[in-house]
C-alpha atoms as a PDB file:
ATOM      1  CA  MET A   1       9.325-103.458 -44.393  1.00  0.00           C
ATOM      2  CA  THR A   2      12.981-102.665 -44.860  1.00  0.00           C
ATOM      3  CA  ASN A   3      15.384-103.832 -42.224  1.00  0.00           C
ATOM      4  CA  THR A   4      16.068-101.328 -39.436  1.00  0.00           C
ATOM      5  CA  LEU A   5      18.056-101.531 -36.232  1.00  0.00           C
ATOM      6  CA  ARG A   6      14.917-101.678 -34.065  1.00  0.00           C
ATOM      7  CA  ASP A   7      11.563-101.820 -35.799  1.00  0.00           C
ATOM      8  CA  THR A   8       8.460-101.084 -33.733  1.00  0.00           C
ATOM      9  CA  THR A   9       5.070-102.197 -35.008  1.00  0.00           C
ATOM     10  CA  ALA A  10       1.833-101.379 -33.239  1.00  0.00           C
ATOM     11  CA  THR A  11      -0.823-104.063 -33.016  1.00  0.00           C
ATOM     12  CA  LYS A  12      -4.141-104.149 -31.218  1.00  0.00           C
ATOM     13  CA  ASP A  13      -2.467-105.927 -28.285  1.00  0.00           C
ATOM     14  CA  SER A  14       0.988-104.465 -28.000  1.00  0.00           C
ATOM     15  CA  ALA A  15       3.828-102.595 -29.579  1.00  0.00           C
ATOM     16  CA  VAL A  16       5.880-105.457 -30.990  1.00  0.00           C
ATOM     17  CA  ILE A  17       9.590-104.711 -31.106  1.00  0.00           C
ATOM     18  CA  TRP A  18      11.186-106.965 -33.673  1.00  0.00           C
ATOM     19  CA  SER A  19      14.729-108.190 -33.304  1.00  0.00           C
ATOM     20  CA  PRO A  20      17.452-106.349 -35.298  1.00  0.00           C
ATOM     21  CA  LEU A  21      17.920-109.575 -37.269  1.00  0.00           C
ATOM     22  CA  TYR A  22      14.319-109.638 -38.410  1.00  0.00           C
ATOM     23  CA  VAL A  23      14.182-109.517 -42.203  1.00  0.00           C
ATOM     24  CA  SER A  24      10.578-109.152 -43.281  1.00  0.00           C
ATOM     25  CA  GLU A  25       7.263-108.098 -41.763  1.00  0.00           C
ATOM     26  CA  PRO A  26       4.451-110.671 -42.133  1.00  0.00           C
ATOM     27  CA  LEU A  27       1.747-108.462 -40.630  1.00  0.00           C
ATOM     28  CA  GLN A  28       0.188-105.820 -42.842  1.00  0.00           C
ATOM     29  CA  VAL A  29       0.154-103.030 -40.297  1.00  0.00           C
ATOM     30  CA  THR A  30       1.339 -99.451 -40.325  1.00  0.00           C
ATOM     31  CA  PRO A  31       4.361 -98.603 -38.160  1.00  0.00           C
ATOM     32  CA  THR A  32       3.721 -95.905 -35.581  1.00  0.00           C
ATOM     33  CA  PRO A  33       5.988 -93.590 -33.589  1.00  0.00           C
ATOM     34  CA  ALA A  34       7.251 -94.493 -30.132  1.00  0.00           C
ATOM     35  CA  LEU A  35       4.637 -95.082 -27.457  1.00  0.00           C
ATOM     36  CA  VAL A  36       5.609 -92.110 -25.319  1.00  0.00           C
ATOM     37  CA  LYS A  37       7.379 -88.784 -25.594  1.00  0.00           C
ATOM     38  CA  ALA A  38       9.609 -87.070 -23.082  1.00  0.00           C
ATOM     39  CA  PRO A  39       7.947 -84.173 -21.254  1.00  0.00           C
ATOM     40  CA  ALA A  40       8.632 -80.648 -22.442  1.00  0.00           C
ATOM     41  CA  PRO A  41      11.171 -78.686 -20.383  1.00  0.00           C
ATOM     42  CA  HIS A  42       8.463 -76.478 -18.889  1.00  0.00           C
ATOM     43  CA  GLN A  43       6.353 -79.419 -17.668  1.00  0.00           C
ATOM     44  CA  ALA A  44       6.444 -80.479 -14.025  1.00  0.00           C
ATOM     45  CA  ILE A  45       8.260 -83.753 -13.454  1.00  0.00           C
ATOM     46  CA  ASP A  46       6.604 -86.078 -10.952  1.00  0.00           C
ATOM     47  CA  PRO A  47       8.525 -88.943  -9.381  1.00  0.00           C
ATOM     48  CA  SER A  48       7.464 -92.355 -10.707  1.00  0.00           C
ATOM     49  CA  VAL A  49       7.381 -95.902  -9.408  1.00  0.00           C
ATOM     50  CA  VAL A  50       7.386 -98.933 -11.716  1.00  0.00           C
ATOM     51  CA  LEU A  51       5.731-102.118 -10.388  1.00  0.00           C
ATOM     52  CA  VAL A  52       6.100-105.202 -12.601  1.00  0.00           C
ATOM     53  CA  ASP A  53       4.097-108.386 -12.117  1.00  0.00           C
ATOM     54  CA  SER A  54       6.553-110.489 -14.121  1.00  0.00           C
ATOM     55  CA  PRO A  55       4.628-113.829 -14.130  1.00  0.00           C
ATOM     56  CA  ASN A  56       1.484-112.131 -15.452  1.00  0.00           C
ATOM     57  CA  ALA A  57       3.451-110.207 -18.077  1.00  0.00           C
ATOM     58  CA  MET A  58       5.257-113.338 -19.309  1.00  0.00           C
ATOM     59  CA  ARG A  59       2.094-115.458 -19.336  1.00  0.00           C
ATOM     60  CA  CYS A  60       0.129-112.911 -21.372  1.00  0.00           C
ATOM     61  CA  VAL A  61       2.943-112.319 -23.864  1.00  0.00           C
ATOM     62  CA  ASN A  62       3.585-116.031 -24.385  1.00  0.00           C
ATOM     63  CA  SER A  63      -0.106-116.848 -24.842  1.00  0.00           C
ATOM     64  CA  THR A  64      -0.505-114.050 -27.382  1.00  0.00           C
ATOM     65  CA  TYR A  65       2.780-114.098 -29.305  1.00  0.00           C
ATOM     66  CA  GLY A  66       4.240-117.540 -28.660  1.00  0.00           C
ATOM     67  CA  PRO A  67       6.707-119.098 -26.206  1.00  0.00           C
ATOM     68  CA  GLN A  68       9.744-117.320 -27.666  1.00  0.00           C
ATOM     69  CA  ALA A  69       8.367-113.798 -27.205  1.00  0.00           C
ATOM     70  CA  ARG A  70       9.029-111.757 -24.073  1.00  0.00           C
ATOM     71  CA  PRO A  71       8.057-108.402 -22.595  1.00  0.00           C
ATOM     72  CA  ASP A  72      10.471-105.583 -23.339  1.00  0.00           C
ATOM     73  CA  TRP A  73      11.402-105.157 -19.670  1.00  0.00           C
ATOM     74  CA  SER A  74      13.641-102.122 -20.108  1.00  0.00           C
ATOM     75  CA  SER A  75      10.894-100.196 -21.927  1.00  0.00           C
ATOM     76  CA  PHE A  76       8.844 -99.977 -18.715  1.00  0.00           C
ATOM     77  CA  LEU A  77      11.600 -97.994 -17.022  1.00  0.00           C
ATOM     78  CA  ASN A  78      11.979 -95.833 -20.120  1.00  0.00           C
ATOM     79  CA  LEU A  79       8.250 -95.160 -20.008  1.00  0.00           C
ATOM     80  CA  ALA A  80       8.535 -94.003 -16.402  1.00  0.00           C
ATOM     81  CA  ARG A  81      11.462 -91.759 -17.283  1.00  0.00           C
ATOM     82  CA  SER A  82       9.410 -90.157 -20.027  1.00  0.00           C
ATOM     83  CA  ARG A  83       6.580 -89.404 -17.593  1.00  0.00           C
ATOM     84  CA  GLY A  84       8.632 -88.442 -14.577  1.00  0.00           C
ATOM     85  CA  ASN A  85      11.663 -89.274 -12.494  1.00  0.00           C
ATOM     86  CA  PRO A  86      11.542 -92.934 -11.429  1.00  0.00           C
ATOM     87  CA  VAL A  87      12.056 -93.451  -7.735  1.00  0.00           C
ATOM     88  CA  ARG A  88      12.561 -97.170  -8.235  1.00  0.00           C
ATOM     89  CA  GLY A  89      11.732 -99.976 -10.614  1.00  0.00           C
ATOM     90  CA  ILE A  90      10.464-103.045  -8.762  1.00  0.00           C
ATOM     91  CA  VAL A  91       9.928-106.401 -10.471  1.00  0.00           C
ATOM     92  CA  ALA A  92       8.086-109.086  -8.512  1.00  0.00           C
ATOM     93  CA  VAL A  93       9.160-112.624  -9.410  1.00  0.00           C
ATOM     94  CA  ASN A  94       8.381-116.155  -8.327  1.00  0.00           C
ATOM     95  CA  ASP A  95      10.725-117.826  -5.856  1.00  0.00           C
ATOM     96  CA  GLY A  96      13.499-119.813  -7.480  1.00  0.00           C
ATOM     97  CA  LEU A  97      14.157-117.474 -10.411  1.00  0.00           C
ATOM     98  CA  PRO A  98      17.653-118.334 -11.735  1.00  0.00           C
ATOM     99  CA  LEU A  99      20.435-115.961 -10.722  1.00  0.00           C
ATOM    100  CA  ARG A 100      21.229-115.038 -14.332  1.00  0.00           C
ATOM    101  CA  PHE A 101      17.757-113.537 -14.757  1.00  0.00           C
ATOM    102  CA  ILE A 102      17.997-111.693 -11.461  1.00  0.00           C
ATOM    103  CA  ARG A 103      21.252-110.100 -12.597  1.00  0.00           C
ATOM    104  CA  LYS A 104      19.717-109.080 -15.914  1.00  0.00           C
ATOM    105  CA  PHE A 105      16.868-107.321 -14.131  1.00  0.00           C
ATOM    106  CA  GLU A 106      19.310-105.595 -11.798  1.00  0.00           C
ATOM    107  CA  LEU A 107      21.453-104.403 -14.703  1.00  0.00           C
ATOM    108  CA  MET A 108      18.356-102.830 -16.251  1.00  0.00           C
ATOM    109  CA  GLY A 109      17.779-100.898 -13.043  1.00  0.00           C
ATOM    110  CA  TYR A 110      15.181-103.043 -11.275  1.00  0.00           C
ATOM    111  CA  ARG A 111      15.066-104.154  -7.693  1.00  0.00           C
ATOM    112  CA  VAL A 112      13.997-107.818  -7.666  1.00  0.00           C
ATOM    113  CA  GLN A 113      11.411-108.856  -5.066  1.00  0.00           C
ATOM    114  CA  PHE A 114      10.516-112.516  -4.515  1.00  0.00           C
ATOM    115  CA  SER A 115       6.940-113.530  -3.832  1.00  0.00           C
ATOM    116  CA  HIS A 116       7.607-115.970  -0.945  1.00  0.00           C
ATOM    117  CA  ALA A 117       4.037-117.111  -1.655  1.00  0.00           C
ATOM    118  CA  PHE A 118       1.900-118.892  -4.242  1.00  0.00           C
ATOM    119  CA  ASP A 119       1.259-115.638  -6.122  1.00  0.00           C
ATOM    120  CA  VAL A 120       3.286-112.447  -6.549  1.00  0.00           C
ATOM    121  CA  ASP A 121       0.241-110.150  -6.281  1.00  0.00           C
ATOM    122  CA  ASP A 122       0.716-109.596  -2.554  1.00  0.00           C
ATOM    123  CA  ARG A 123       4.344-108.633  -3.145  1.00  0.00           C
ATOM    124  CA  VAL A 124       3.330-106.021  -5.726  1.00  0.00           C
ATOM    125  CA  VAL A 125       0.718-104.554  -3.367  1.00  0.00           C
ATOM    126  CA  ALA A 126       3.196-104.494  -0.470  1.00  0.00           C
ATOM    127  CA  GLN A 127       5.777-102.652  -2.564  1.00  0.00           C
ATOM    128  CA  ALA A 128       3.174-100.144  -3.727  1.00  0.00           C
ATOM    129  CA  ILE A 129       2.260 -99.342  -0.124  1.00  0.00           C
ATOM    130  CA  ARG A 130       5.905 -99.000   0.857  1.00  0.00           C
ATOM    131  CA  MET A 131       6.497 -96.526  -1.980  1.00  0.00           C
ATOM    132  CA  VAL A 132       3.214 -94.631  -1.669  1.00  0.00           C
ATOM    133  CA  ASN A 133       4.822 -91.542  -0.154  1.00  0.00           C
ATOM    134  CA  ARG A 134       7.715 -91.512  -2.614  1.00  0.00           C
ATOM    135  CA  GLY A 135       5.886 -91.396  -5.911  1.00  0.00           C
ATOM    136  CA  ARG A 136       3.185 -89.425  -7.681  1.00  0.00           C
ATOM    137  CA  VAL A 137       3.016 -91.638 -10.786  1.00  0.00           C
ATOM    138  CA  PHE A 138       2.703 -95.426 -10.516  1.00  0.00           C
ATOM    139  CA  VAL A 139       3.312 -97.583 -13.597  1.00  0.00           C
ATOM    140  CA  LEU A 140       1.655-100.972 -13.042  1.00  0.00           C
ATOM    141  CA  VAL A 141       2.806-103.633 -15.500  1.00  0.00           C
ATOM    142  CA  SER A 142       0.064-106.258 -15.262  1.00  0.00           C
ATOM    143  CA  GLY A 143      -3.366-107.053 -16.640  1.00  0.00           C
ATOM    144  CA  ASP A 144      -4.538-108.857 -13.500  1.00  0.00           C
ATOM    145  CA  GLY A 145      -7.962-107.731 -12.342  1.00  0.00           C
ATOM    146  CA  GLY A 146      -6.891-108.415  -8.766  1.00  0.00           C
ATOM    147  CA  PHE A 147      -5.093-105.071  -8.791  1.00  0.00           C
ATOM    148  CA  CYS A 148      -8.301-103.052  -9.216  1.00  0.00           C
ATOM    149  CA  SER A 149      -8.473-102.338  -5.483  1.00  0.00           C
ATOM    150  CA  LEU A 150      -4.838-101.221  -5.462  1.00  0.00           C
ATOM    151  CA  VAL A 151      -5.473 -98.796  -8.311  1.00  0.00           C
ATOM    152  CA  SER A 152      -8.517 -97.361  -6.507  1.00  0.00           C
ATOM    153  CA  VAL A 153      -6.539 -96.878  -3.288  1.00  0.00           C
ATOM    154  CA  LEU A 154      -3.663 -95.158  -5.084  1.00  0.00           C
ATOM    155  CA  GLN A 155      -6.059 -92.827  -6.869  1.00  0.00           C
ATOM    156  CA  ARG A 156      -7.763 -91.883  -3.597  1.00  0.00           C
ATOM    157  CA  LEU A 157      -4.302 -90.861  -2.405  1.00  0.00           C
ATOM    158  CA  GLU A 158      -4.069 -88.605  -5.498  1.00  0.00           C
ATOM    159  CA  LYS A 159      -1.627 -90.849  -7.328  1.00  0.00           C
ATOM    160  CA  ARG A 160      -1.721 -91.220 -11.109  1.00  0.00           C
ATOM    161  CA  VAL A 161      -1.802 -94.859 -12.231  1.00  0.00           C
ATOM    162  CA  ILE A 162      -0.663 -96.020 -15.683  1.00  0.00           C
ATOM    163  CA  VAL A 163      -1.455 -99.636 -16.560  1.00  0.00           C
ATOM    164  CA  VAL A 164       0.762-101.389 -19.115  1.00  0.00           C
ATOM    165  CA  ALA A 165      -0.515-104.753 -20.354  1.00  0.00           C
ATOM    166  CA  VAL A 166      -1.291-106.906 -23.366  1.00  0.00           C
ATOM    167  CA  ALA A 167      -4.686-105.544 -24.362  1.00  0.00           C
ATOM    168  CA  SER A 168      -6.353-108.896 -25.005  1.00  0.00           C
ATOM    169  CA  CYS A 169      -5.226-110.190 -21.585  1.00  0.00           C
ATOM    170  CA  CYS A 170      -5.988-107.091 -19.522  1.00  0.00           C
ATOM    171  CA  HIS A 171      -9.007-107.233 -17.224  1.00  0.00           C
ATOM    172  CA  PRO A 172     -11.562-104.667 -18.497  1.00  0.00           C
ATOM    173  CA  ASN A 173     -12.159-103.245 -15.017  1.00  0.00           C
ATOM    174  CA  LEU A 174      -8.439-102.665 -14.479  1.00  0.00           C
ATOM    175  CA  ARG A 175      -8.157-100.945 -17.832  1.00  0.00           C
ATOM    176  CA  SER A 176     -11.152 -98.694 -17.196  1.00  0.00           C
ATOM    177  CA  LEU A 177      -9.931 -97.719 -13.727  1.00  0.00           C
ATOM    178  CA  ALA A 178      -6.467 -96.682 -14.865  1.00  0.00           C
ATOM    179  CA  ASP A 179      -5.727 -93.027 -15.501  1.00  0.00           C
ATOM    180  CA  GLU A 180      -3.962 -94.215 -18.637  1.00  0.00           C
ATOM    181  CA  PHE A 181      -3.598 -97.547 -20.421  1.00  0.00           C
ATOM    182  CA  LEU A 182      -0.683 -98.408 -22.705  1.00  0.00           C
ATOM    183  CA  PRO A 183      -0.165-101.599 -24.738  1.00  0.00           C
ATOM    184  CA  MET A 184       2.783-103.661 -23.605  1.00  0.00           C
ATOM    185  CA  PRO A 185       5.936-103.508 -25.761  1.00  0.00           C
ATOM    186  CA  VAL A 186       6.939-107.043 -26.725  1.00  0.00           C
ATOM    187  CA  VAL A 187      10.173-108.417 -28.163  1.00  0.00           C
ATOM    188  CA  VAL A 188       9.641-111.108 -30.790  1.00  0.00           C
ATOM    189  CA  PRO A 189      12.630-113.241 -31.869  1.00  0.00           C
ATOM    190  CA  PRO A 190      13.719-113.186 -35.498  1.00  0.00           C
ATOM    191  CA  VAL A 191      11.959-115.471 -37.933  1.00  0.00           C
ATOM    192  CA  PRO A 192      14.495-117.642 -39.799  1.00  0.00           C
ATOM    193  CA  VAL A 193      14.464-117.213 -43.565  1.00  0.00           C
ATOM    194  CA  ILE A 194      15.172-120.362 -45.550  1.00  0.00           C
ATOM    195  CA  ASN A 195      16.211-119.935 -49.172  1.00  0.00           C
ATOM    196  CA  VAL A 196      15.407-123.165 -50.989  1.00  0.00           C
ATOM    197  CA  THR A 197      17.654-123.698 -54.003  1.00  0.00           C
ATOM    198  CA  GLN A 198      18.469-126.673 -56.172  1.00  0.00           C
ATOM    199  CA  GLU A 199      21.745-127.054 -54.293  1.00  0.00           C
ATOM    200  CA  THR A 200      20.024-127.248 -50.907  1.00  0.00           C
ATOM    201  CA  LEU A 201      17.391-129.641 -52.256  1.00  0.00           C
ATOM    202  CA  GLY A 202      19.995-131.957 -53.695  1.00  0.00           C
ATOM    203  CA  ASP A 203      18.489-135.330 -54.415  1.00  0.00           C
ATOM    204  CA  ALA A 204      15.346-134.631 -52.363  1.00  0.00           C
ATOM    205  CA  PRO A 205      12.199-136.201 -53.838  1.00  0.00           C
ATOM    206  CA  ASN A 206       9.648-134.107 -55.684  1.00  0.00           C
ATOM    207  CA  LEU A 207       7.297-132.664 -53.044  1.00  0.00           C
ATOM    208  CA  ARG A 208       4.648-131.342 -55.396  1.00  0.00           C
END
């Protein structure tokens, strides 16, 4: 693949967004267009709420793509904008998250909510309930099957629920319940390219 400013490659698990410094593509896959398109001018625009379970998203991305990969956090807000008018982006995090990461989330447009508990699931559910009358579309960024009841409740209240997760880590019941499932966009760091020449080898022994 030739170098582009922001290459997007679809895999069975996610849309992997390679760094601008990435030189070559090791996977033999066919690039696809962007995950979502903006609504046509004549389409009704529903307000949207983005709920991010950040520990689950990080854990699934790292287990699938390696410790250096990360979710493309800003893409979740862009997804909501393409489907409606986001009321608010809420990212639930574990207590003790360093201030520099909190500021990064805030600069993207998120409101950071701490778990104040062993798990952030309760924080995500609480925020969903608080926003239930302010949104028609809920974007849930998590593959945790514990959110199945939340999805069912939102749907009974005539809310549309979009689940964004790494496919291989998403609970099958959560995926089947969602009105729409989208693979999680993932940012993978550049792979260093080492050009081995006689000069760089120097007096190194023969490794054949």
